Amino acid sequence: MKLKELESHLSNVTNFSNAKEHLEQYMTTPHLAARMIYTAQTQYEDIESNLLIDLGIGTGMLSIASCLLSADHVFGFDCDSDALRLCQLNIEEFEFESNIDLIQTDLRRIRLPVDRHRIQADTIIMNPPFGTKPFSVASTEQEEFCSTGIDMHFLQHARQLAKHSIYSLHKTSTRDHIYKKAHDWDMKMDVVAVLQFDIPKLEKKRSNRPNSTASHAPLKAIEVDLIRFEIKD
């Protein structure tokens, strides 16, 4: 499948109608997802016939892209039941029910919330929360989730679950810090591409008005690195 064809297919993935700002539910765009998964396959052969885990699966964009490029199977993790319901609808729309299994689990926990001896993947794919908090929230749990370093928390889990490689998006401004973490965790790190990520500026919730949807919110662009981590033998 050509890159443009893959991106075209992914344009049919349904976005969040009421994105939860404290979970940073910014859908990975078809443009970014297509390039991320296409690169993983065409340059490194890390998708086709491989078992994958998608951490923070959200709408299912990365998992669906992987199945379109013939991934063997994908396990998708997310803590949010609403996101998982939307993801299941997208999976059914693409007829990938037998290719993608969804697991509701909370990656905010310090310990790995699944048994790594039962579920371990050839390749991990993820677009983790960046730890960006556009405005204050009342819930202690929400503030904990938006704390600085949540992307490294996801990466630490990915390191434990990956047999071979991890593909992830991170803010370019944090690259030096991530290099240090990769070294500490005995992973080889390559910045495959630098991309623009459009983040919706979600409005504060008002008592007489529902949350703004990501599709209608104004956007701000940030620079992100598409990074490939390789697990050293």
C-alpha atoms as a PDB file:
ATOM      1  CA  MET A   1       0.000   0.000   0.000  1.00  0.00           C
ATOM      2  CA  LYS A   2       1.278   3.453  -0.944  1.00  0.00           C
ATOM      3  CA  LEU A   3       1.685   6.179   1.685  1.00  0.00           C
ATOM      4  CA  LYS A   4      -1.032   8.407   0.210  1.00  0.00           C
ATOM      5  CA  GLU A   5      -3.440   5.489   0.030  1.00  0.00           C
ATOM      6  CA  LEU A   6      -2.782   4.657   3.681  1.00  0.00           C
ATOM      7  CA  GLU A   7      -3.407   8.267   4.722  1.00  0.00           C
ATOM      8  CA  SER A   8      -6.602   8.332   2.681  1.00  0.00           C
ATOM      9  CA  HIS A   9      -7.929   5.231   4.467  1.00  0.00           C
ATOM     10  CA  LEU A  10      -7.074   6.720   7.852  1.00  0.00           C
ATOM     11  CA  SER A  11      -9.105   9.840   7.114  1.00  0.00           C
ATOM     12  CA  ASN A  12     -12.162   7.649   7.806  1.00  0.00           C
ATOM     13  CA  VAL A  13     -11.209   7.099  11.461  1.00  0.00           C
ATOM     14  CA  THR A  14     -13.740   8.916  13.654  1.00  0.00           C
ATOM     15  CA  ASN A  15     -12.298  11.527  16.010  1.00  0.00           C
ATOM     16  CA  PHE A  16     -13.314  12.265  19.613  1.00  0.00           C
ATOM     17  CA  SER A  17     -16.552  14.239  19.835  1.00  0.00           C
ATOM     18  CA  ASN A  18     -15.779  15.397  23.389  1.00  0.00           C
ATOM     19  CA  ALA A  19     -12.042  15.128  23.951  1.00  0.00           C
ATOM     20  CA  LYS A  20     -10.975  15.003  27.601  1.00  0.00           C
ATOM     21  CA  GLU A  21      -8.341  17.660  28.115  1.00  0.00           C
ATOM     22  CA  HIS A  22      -6.896  16.114  31.295  1.00  0.00           C
ATOM     23  CA  LEU A  23      -6.135  12.936  29.302  1.00  0.00           C
ATOM     24  CA  GLU A  24      -4.663  14.956  26.413  1.00  0.00           C
ATOM     25  CA  GLN A  25      -6.953  13.233  23.933  1.00  0.00           C
ATOM     26  CA  TYR A  26      -5.510  14.801  20.803  1.00  0.00           C
ATOM     27  CA  MET A  27      -6.098  12.409  17.939  1.00  0.00           C
ATOM     28  CA  THR A  28      -3.006  11.493  15.974  1.00  0.00           C
ATOM     29  CA  THR A  29      -3.815  12.884  12.538  1.00  0.00           C
ATOM     30  CA  PRO A  30      -4.028  10.598   9.485  1.00  0.00           C
ATOM     31  CA  HIS A  31      -1.012  12.461   8.101  1.00  0.00           C
ATOM     32  CA  LEU A  32       1.195  11.743  11.123  1.00  0.00           C
ATOM     33  CA  ALA A  33      -0.108   8.218  11.703  1.00  0.00           C
ATOM     34  CA  ALA A  34       0.436   7.199   8.078  1.00  0.00           C
ATOM     35  CA  ARG A  35       4.020   8.446   8.085  1.00  0.00           C
ATOM     36  CA  MET A  36       4.786   6.892  11.439  1.00  0.00           C
ATOM     37  CA  ILE A  37       3.532   3.408  10.587  1.00  0.00           C
ATOM     38  CA  TYR A  38       4.625   3.503   6.934  1.00  0.00           C
ATOM     39  CA  THR A  39       8.164   4.394   8.050  1.00  0.00           C
ATOM     40  CA  ALA A  40       8.181   1.624  10.652  1.00  0.00           C
ATOM     41  CA  GLN A  41       7.311  -0.887   7.949  1.00  0.00           C
ATOM     42  CA  THR A  42       9.190   0.307   4.865  1.00  0.00           C
ATOM     43  CA  GLN A  43      12.437   1.262   6.614  1.00  0.00           C
ATOM     44  CA  TYR A  44      12.577  -1.296   9.418  1.00  0.00           C
ATOM     45  CA  GLU A  45       9.982  -4.021   8.665  1.00  0.00           C
ATOM     46  CA  ASP A  46       8.580  -3.662  12.184  1.00  0.00           C
ATOM     47  CA  ILE A  47       4.850  -3.880  11.308  1.00  0.00           C
ATOM     48  CA  GLU A  48       3.959  -6.624   8.821  1.00  0.00           C
ATOM     49  CA  SER A  49       3.488 -10.053  10.476  1.00  0.00           C
ATOM     50  CA  ASN A  50       4.482  -8.596  13.867  1.00  0.00           C
ATOM     51  CA  LEU A  51       2.626  -8.591  17.197  1.00  0.00           C
ATOM     52  CA  LEU A  52       2.098  -4.992  18.325  1.00  0.00           C
ATOM     53  CA  ILE A  53       0.997  -3.134  21.450  1.00  0.00           C
ATOM     54  CA  ASP A  54      -0.522   0.354  21.149  1.00  0.00           C
ATOM     55  CA  LEU A  55      -0.184   2.239  24.449  1.00  0.00           C
ATOM     56  CA  GLY A  56      -2.916   4.866  24.824  1.00  0.00           C
ATOM     57  CA  ILE A  57      -4.788   3.601  21.775  1.00  0.00           C
ATOM     58  CA  GLY A  58      -7.376   6.411  21.805  1.00  0.00           C
ATOM     59  CA  THR A  59      -9.353   6.379  18.561  1.00  0.00           C
ATOM     60  CA  GLY A  60      -7.349   3.428  17.242  1.00  0.00           C
ATOM     61  CA  MET A  61      -5.588   5.439  14.545  1.00  0.00           C
ATOM     62  CA  LEU A  62      -2.125   3.852  14.903  1.00  0.00           C
ATOM     63  CA  SER A  63      -3.501   0.332  15.374  1.00  0.00           C
ATOM     64  CA  ILE A  64      -5.732   0.584  12.317  1.00  0.00           C
ATOM     65  CA  ALA A  65      -2.816   1.934  10.273  1.00  0.00           C
ATOM     66  CA  SER A  66      -0.739  -1.038  11.410  1.00  0.00           C
ATOM     67  CA  CYS A  67      -3.418  -3.542  10.428  1.00  0.00           C
ATOM     68  CA  LEU A  68      -3.742  -1.888   7.027  1.00  0.00           C
ATOM     69  CA  LEU A  69      -0.028  -2.677   6.632  1.00  0.00           C
ATOM     70  CA  SER A  70      -0.601  -6.307   7.662  1.00  0.00           C
ATOM     71  CA  ALA A  71       0.324  -6.366  11.347  1.00  0.00           C
ATOM     72  CA  ASP A  72      -0.312  -9.844  12.737  1.00  0.00           C
ATOM     73  CA  HIS A  73      -2.218  -8.634  15.809  1.00  0.00           C
ATOM     74  CA  VAL A  74      -2.494  -5.536  18.029  1.00  0.00           C
ATOM     75  CA  PHE A  75      -3.288  -5.195  21.734  1.00  0.00           C
ATOM     76  CA  GLY A  76      -4.534  -1.674  22.466  1.00  0.00           C
ATOM     77  CA  PHE A  77      -4.320  -0.240  25.994  1.00  0.00           C
ATOM     78  CA  ASP A  78      -6.274   2.765  27.263  1.00  0.00           C
ATOM     79  CA  CYS A  79      -7.550   3.903  30.658  1.00  0.00           C
ATOM     80  CA  ASP A  80     -10.663   5.648  29.309  1.00  0.00           C
ATOM     81  CA  SER A  81     -13.826   3.632  28.692  1.00  0.00           C
ATOM     82  CA  ASP A  82     -15.279   6.299  26.379  1.00  0.00           C
ATOM     83  CA  ALA A  83     -12.159   6.202  24.205  1.00  0.00           C
ATOM     84  CA  LEU A  84     -12.313   2.417  24.074  1.00  0.00           C
ATOM     85  CA  ARG A  85     -15.961   2.493  22.947  1.00  0.00           C
ATOM     86  CA  LEU A  86     -15.080   4.915  20.147  1.00  0.00           C
ATOM     87  CA  CYS A  87     -12.054   2.816  19.249  1.00  0.00           C
ATOM     88  CA  GLN A  88     -14.205  -0.316  19.030  1.00  0.00           C
ATOM     89  CA  LEU A  89     -16.567   1.452  16.624  1.00  0.00           C
ATOM     90  CA  ASN A  90     -13.609   2.451  14.435  1.00  0.00           C
ATOM     91  CA  ILE A  91     -12.257  -1.096  14.526  1.00  0.00           C
ATOM     92  CA  GLU A  92     -15.633  -2.461  13.430  1.00  0.00           C
ATOM     93  CA  GLU A  93     -15.879   0.115  10.651  1.00  0.00           C
ATOM     94  CA  PHE A  94     -12.570  -1.165   9.256  1.00  0.00           C
ATOM     95  CA  GLU A  95     -13.550  -4.796   9.946  1.00  0.00           C
ATOM     96  CA  PHE A  96     -10.500  -5.433  12.132  1.00  0.00           C
ATOM     97  CA  GLU A  97     -12.376  -7.055  15.039  1.00  0.00           C
ATOM     98  CA  SER A  98     -10.222 -10.193  14.797  1.00  0.00           C
ATOM     99  CA  ASN A  99      -6.984  -8.184  14.498  1.00  0.00           C
ATOM    100  CA  ILE A 100      -7.207  -5.778  17.450  1.00  0.00           C
ATOM    101  CA  ASP A 101      -7.950  -6.558  21.105  1.00  0.00           C
ATOM    102  CA  LEU A 102      -8.680  -3.742  23.555  1.00  0.00           C
ATOM    103  CA  ILE A 103      -7.556  -3.739  27.180  1.00  0.00           C
ATOM    104  CA  GLN A 104      -8.691  -1.141  29.703  1.00  0.00           C
ATOM    105  CA  THR A 105      -5.770  -0.477  32.022  1.00  0.00           C
ATOM    106  CA  ASP A 106      -4.229   2.506  33.768  1.00  0.00           C
ATOM    107  CA  LEU A 107      -0.637   3.261  32.774  1.00  0.00           C
ATOM    108  CA  ARG A 108      -0.400   5.917  35.493  1.00  0.00           C
ATOM    109  CA  ARG A 109       0.355   3.161  37.978  1.00  0.00           C
ATOM    110  CA  ILE A 110       3.972   2.841  39.009  1.00  0.00           C
ATOM    111  CA  ARG A 111       3.990  -0.912  38.465  1.00  0.00           C
ATOM    112  CA  LEU A 112       3.194  -2.455  35.100  1.00  0.00           C
ATOM    113  CA  PRO A 113      -0.588  -3.073  35.098  1.00  0.00           C
ATOM    114  CA  VAL A 114      -0.317  -6.237  32.974  1.00  0.00           C
ATOM    115  CA  ASP A 115       1.787  -9.380  33.165  1.00  0.00           C
ATOM    116  CA  ARG A 116       4.704  -8.833  30.765  1.00  0.00           C
ATOM    117  CA  HIS A 117       5.215 -12.603  30.594  1.00  0.00           C
ATOM    118  CA  ARG A 118       1.708 -13.021  29.124  1.00  0.00           C
ATOM    119  CA  ILE A 119       1.665  -9.994  26.817  1.00  0.00           C
ATOM    120  CA  GLN A 120       4.880  -8.869  25.160  1.00  0.00           C
ATOM    121  CA  ALA A 121       5.083  -7.439  21.663  1.00  0.00           C
ATOM    122  CA  ASP A 122       7.617  -7.323  18.859  1.00  0.00           C
ATOM    123  CA  THR A 123       6.834  -3.629  18.361  1.00  0.00           C
ATOM    124  CA  ILE A 124       5.263  -0.932  20.558  1.00  0.00           C
ATOM    125  CA  ILE A 125       3.533   2.010  18.905  1.00  0.00           C
ATOM    126  CA  MET A 126       2.306   5.043  20.836  1.00  0.00           C
ATOM    127  CA  ASN A 127       1.573   8.727  20.869  1.00  0.00           C
ATOM    128  CA  PRO A 128       1.830   9.310  24.630  1.00  0.00           C
ATOM    129  CA  PRO A 129       0.557  12.359  26.513  1.00  0.00           C
ATOM    130  CA  PHE A 130       3.183  15.097  26.357  1.00  0.00           C
ATOM    131  CA  GLY A 131       2.552  16.222  29.945  1.00  0.00           C
ATOM    132  CA  THR A 132       1.091  19.491  28.680  1.00  0.00           C
ATOM    133  CA  LYS A 133      -1.592  21.053  30.884  1.00  0.00           C
ATOM    134  CA  PRO A 134      -3.254  23.983  29.037  1.00  0.00           C
ATOM    135  CA  PHE A 135      -5.267  25.005  32.098  1.00  0.00           C
ATOM    136  CA  SER A 136      -5.771  23.963  35.702  1.00  0.00           C
ATOM    137  CA  VAL A 137      -8.133  21.163  36.651  1.00  0.00           C
ATOM    138  CA  ALA A 138      -9.750  20.403  39.968  1.00  0.00           C
ATOM    139  CA  SER A 139      -9.221  16.668  40.268  1.00  0.00           C
ATOM    140  CA  THR A 140      -6.064  15.449  42.000  1.00  0.00           C
ATOM    141  CA  GLU A 141      -6.136  12.382  39.756  1.00  0.00           C
ATOM    142  CA  GLN A 142      -6.256  14.579  36.655  1.00  0.00           C
ATOM    143  CA  GLU A 143      -3.378  16.737  37.864  1.00  0.00           C
ATOM    144  CA  GLU A 144      -1.328  13.602  38.512  1.00  0.00           C
ATOM    145  CA  PHE A 145      -1.954  12.393  34.969  1.00  0.00           C
ATOM    146  CA  CYS A 146      -0.946  15.736  33.453  1.00  0.00           C
ATOM    147  CA  SER A 147       2.227  15.970  35.538  1.00  0.00           C
ATOM    148  CA  THR A 148       5.571  16.474  33.854  1.00  0.00           C
ATOM    149  CA  GLY A 149       7.138  13.243  32.659  1.00  0.00           C
ATOM    150  CA  ILE A 150       4.011  11.230  31.829  1.00  0.00           C
ATOM    151  CA  ASP A 151       5.493  10.488  28.388  1.00  0.00           C
ATOM    152  CA  MET A 152       8.523   8.948  30.105  1.00  0.00           C
ATOM    153  CA  HIS A 153       6.178   6.876  32.252  1.00  0.00           C
ATOM    154  CA  PHE A 154       4.626   5.487  29.057  1.00  0.00           C
ATOM    155  CA  LEU A 155       8.085   4.880  27.598  1.00  0.00           C
ATOM    156  CA  GLN A 156       9.162   2.981  30.706  1.00  0.00           C
ATOM    157  CA  HIS A 157       6.154   0.663  30.336  1.00  0.00           C
ATOM    158  CA  ALA A 158       6.897   0.293  26.618  1.00  0.00           C
ATOM    159  CA  ARG A 159      10.479  -0.713  27.453  1.00  0.00           C
ATOM    160  CA  GLN A 160       9.181  -3.554  29.603  1.00  0.00           C
ATOM    161  CA  LEU A 161       6.673  -4.786  27.010  1.00  0.00           C
ATOM    162  CA  ALA A 162       8.778  -4.543  23.836  1.00  0.00           C
ATOM    163  CA  LYS A 163      10.832  -7.420  22.495  1.00  0.00           C
ATOM    164  CA  HIS A 164      12.468  -5.409  19.744  1.00  0.00           C
ATOM    165  CA  SER A 165      11.374  -1.837  18.958  1.00  0.00           C
ATOM    166  CA  ILE A 166       9.287   1.137  20.093  1.00  0.00           C
ATOM    167  CA  TYR A 167       7.899   3.960  17.939  1.00  0.00           C
ATOM    168  CA  SER A 168       6.785   7.069  19.774  1.00  0.00           C
ATOM    169  CA  LEU A 169       6.142  10.796  19.346  1.00  0.00           C
ATOM    170  CA  HIS A 170       7.746  13.260  21.768  1.00  0.00           C
ATOM    171  CA  LYS A 171       8.177  17.020  21.871  1.00  0.00           C
ATOM    172  CA  THR A 172      11.398  17.982  20.119  1.00  0.00           C
ATOM    173  CA  SER A 173      12.246  20.287  23.022  1.00  0.00           C
ATOM    174  CA  THR A 174      12.623  17.223  25.288  1.00  0.00           C
ATOM    175  CA  ARG A 175      15.014  15.323  22.979  1.00  0.00           C
ATOM    176  CA  ASP A 176      18.126  15.638  25.164  1.00  0.00           C
ATOM    177  CA  HIS A 177      16.254  14.369  28.210  1.00  0.00           C
ATOM    178  CA  ILE A 178      14.878  11.415  26.249  1.00  0.00           C
ATOM    179  CA  TYR A 179      18.365  10.519  24.972  1.00  0.00           C
ATOM    180  CA  LYS A 180      19.511  10.313  28.592  1.00  0.00           C
ATOM    181  CA  LYS A 181      16.570   8.103  29.562  1.00  0.00           C
ATOM    182  CA  ALA A 182      17.125   5.837  26.566  1.00  0.00           C
ATOM    183  CA  HIS A 183      20.751   5.396  27.608  1.00  0.00           C
ATOM    184  CA  ASP A 184      19.743   4.697  31.214  1.00  0.00           C
ATOM    185  CA  TRP A 185      17.226   2.077  30.048  1.00  0.00           C
ATOM    186  CA  ASP A 186      19.719   0.462  27.641  1.00  0.00           C
ATOM    187  CA  MET A 187      17.898   1.395  24.416  1.00  0.00           C
ATOM    188  CA  LYS A 188      19.274   2.636  21.109  1.00  0.00           C
ATOM    189  CA  MET A 189      17.429   5.814  20.068  1.00  0.00           C
ATOM    190  CA  ASP A 190      17.081   7.274  16.574  1.00  0.00           C
ATOM    191  CA  VAL A 191      15.115  10.385  15.652  1.00  0.00           C
ATOM    192  CA  VAL A 192      13.492   9.199  12.429  1.00  0.00           C
ATOM    193  CA  ALA A 193      11.703  12.441  11.546  1.00  0.00           C
ATOM    194  CA  VAL A 194      10.714  15.854  12.904  1.00  0.00           C
ATOM    195  CA  LEU A 195       7.027  16.593  12.352  1.00  0.00           C
ATOM    196  CA  GLN A 196       4.409  19.218  13.139  1.00  0.00           C
ATOM    197  CA  PHE A 197       1.679  18.163  15.551  1.00  0.00           C
ATOM    198  CA  ASP A 198      -1.503  20.246  15.674  1.00  0.00           C
ATOM    199  CA  ILE A 199      -2.936  20.358  19.194  1.00  0.00           C
ATOM    200  CA  PRO A 200      -6.498  21.637  19.703  1.00  0.00           C
ATOM    201  CA  LYS A 201      -6.750  24.453  22.239  1.00  0.00           C
ATOM    202  CA  LEU A 202      -9.634  22.944  24.165  1.00  0.00           C
ATOM    203  CA  GLU A 203     -11.726  25.498  26.015  1.00  0.00           C
ATOM    204  CA  LYS A 204     -12.488  25.411  29.716  1.00  0.00           C
ATOM    205  CA  LYS A 205     -15.717  23.693  30.591  1.00  0.00           C
ATOM    206  CA  ARG A 206     -18.581  26.073  31.333  1.00  0.00           C
ATOM    207  CA  SER A 207     -21.679  25.233  33.300  1.00  0.00           C
ATOM    208  CA  ASN A 208     -24.022  26.048  30.407  1.00  0.00           C
ATOM    209  CA  ARG A 209     -21.847  24.833  27.566  1.00  0.00           C
ATOM    210  CA  PRO A 210     -20.394  21.426  26.658  1.00  0.00           C
ATOM    211  CA  ASN A 211     -16.698  20.908  25.991  1.00  0.00           C
ATOM    212  CA  SER A 212     -15.434  22.170  22.658  1.00  0.00           C
ATOM    213  CA  THR A 213     -14.688  19.322  20.285  1.00  0.00           C
ATOM    214  CA  ALA A 214     -11.231  18.787  18.896  1.00  0.00           C
ATOM    215  CA  SER A 215     -12.522  19.104  15.336  1.00  0.00           C
ATOM    216  CA  HIS A 216     -13.793  22.672  15.884  1.00  0.00           C
ATOM    217  CA  ALA A 217     -11.177  23.999  18.333  1.00  0.00           C
ATOM    218  CA  PRO A 218      -8.406  26.387  17.225  1.00  0.00           C
ATOM    219  CA  LEU A 219      -5.072  24.650  16.734  1.00  0.00           C
ATOM    220  CA  LYS A 220      -1.522  25.310  17.847  1.00  0.00           C
ATOM    221  CA  ALA A 221       1.370  23.518  16.153  1.00  0.00           C
ATOM    222  CA  ILE A 222       4.243  22.042  18.111  1.00  0.00           C
ATOM    223  CA  GLU A 223       7.363  20.314  16.805  1.00  0.00           C
ATOM    224  CA  VAL A 224       7.583  16.623  17.627  1.00  0.00           C
ATOM    225  CA  ASP A 225      10.162  13.912  17.055  1.00  0.00           C
ATOM    226  CA  LEU A 226       9.173  10.556  15.634  1.00  0.00           C
ATOM    227  CA  ILE A 227      11.566   8.335  17.572  1.00  0.00           C
ATOM    228  CA  ARG A 228      12.482   4.696  17.123  1.00  0.00           C
ATOM    229  CA  PHE A 229      13.883   2.960  20.169  1.00  0.00           C
ATOM    230  CA  GLU A 230      15.575  -0.395  19.736  1.00  0.00           C
ATOM    231  CA  ILE A 231      15.884  -2.838  22.608  1.00  0.00           C
ATOM    232  CA  LYS A 232      19.490  -3.958  22.957  1.00  0.00           C
ATOM    233  CA  ASP A 233      20.171  -7.697  23.264  1.00  0.00           C
END
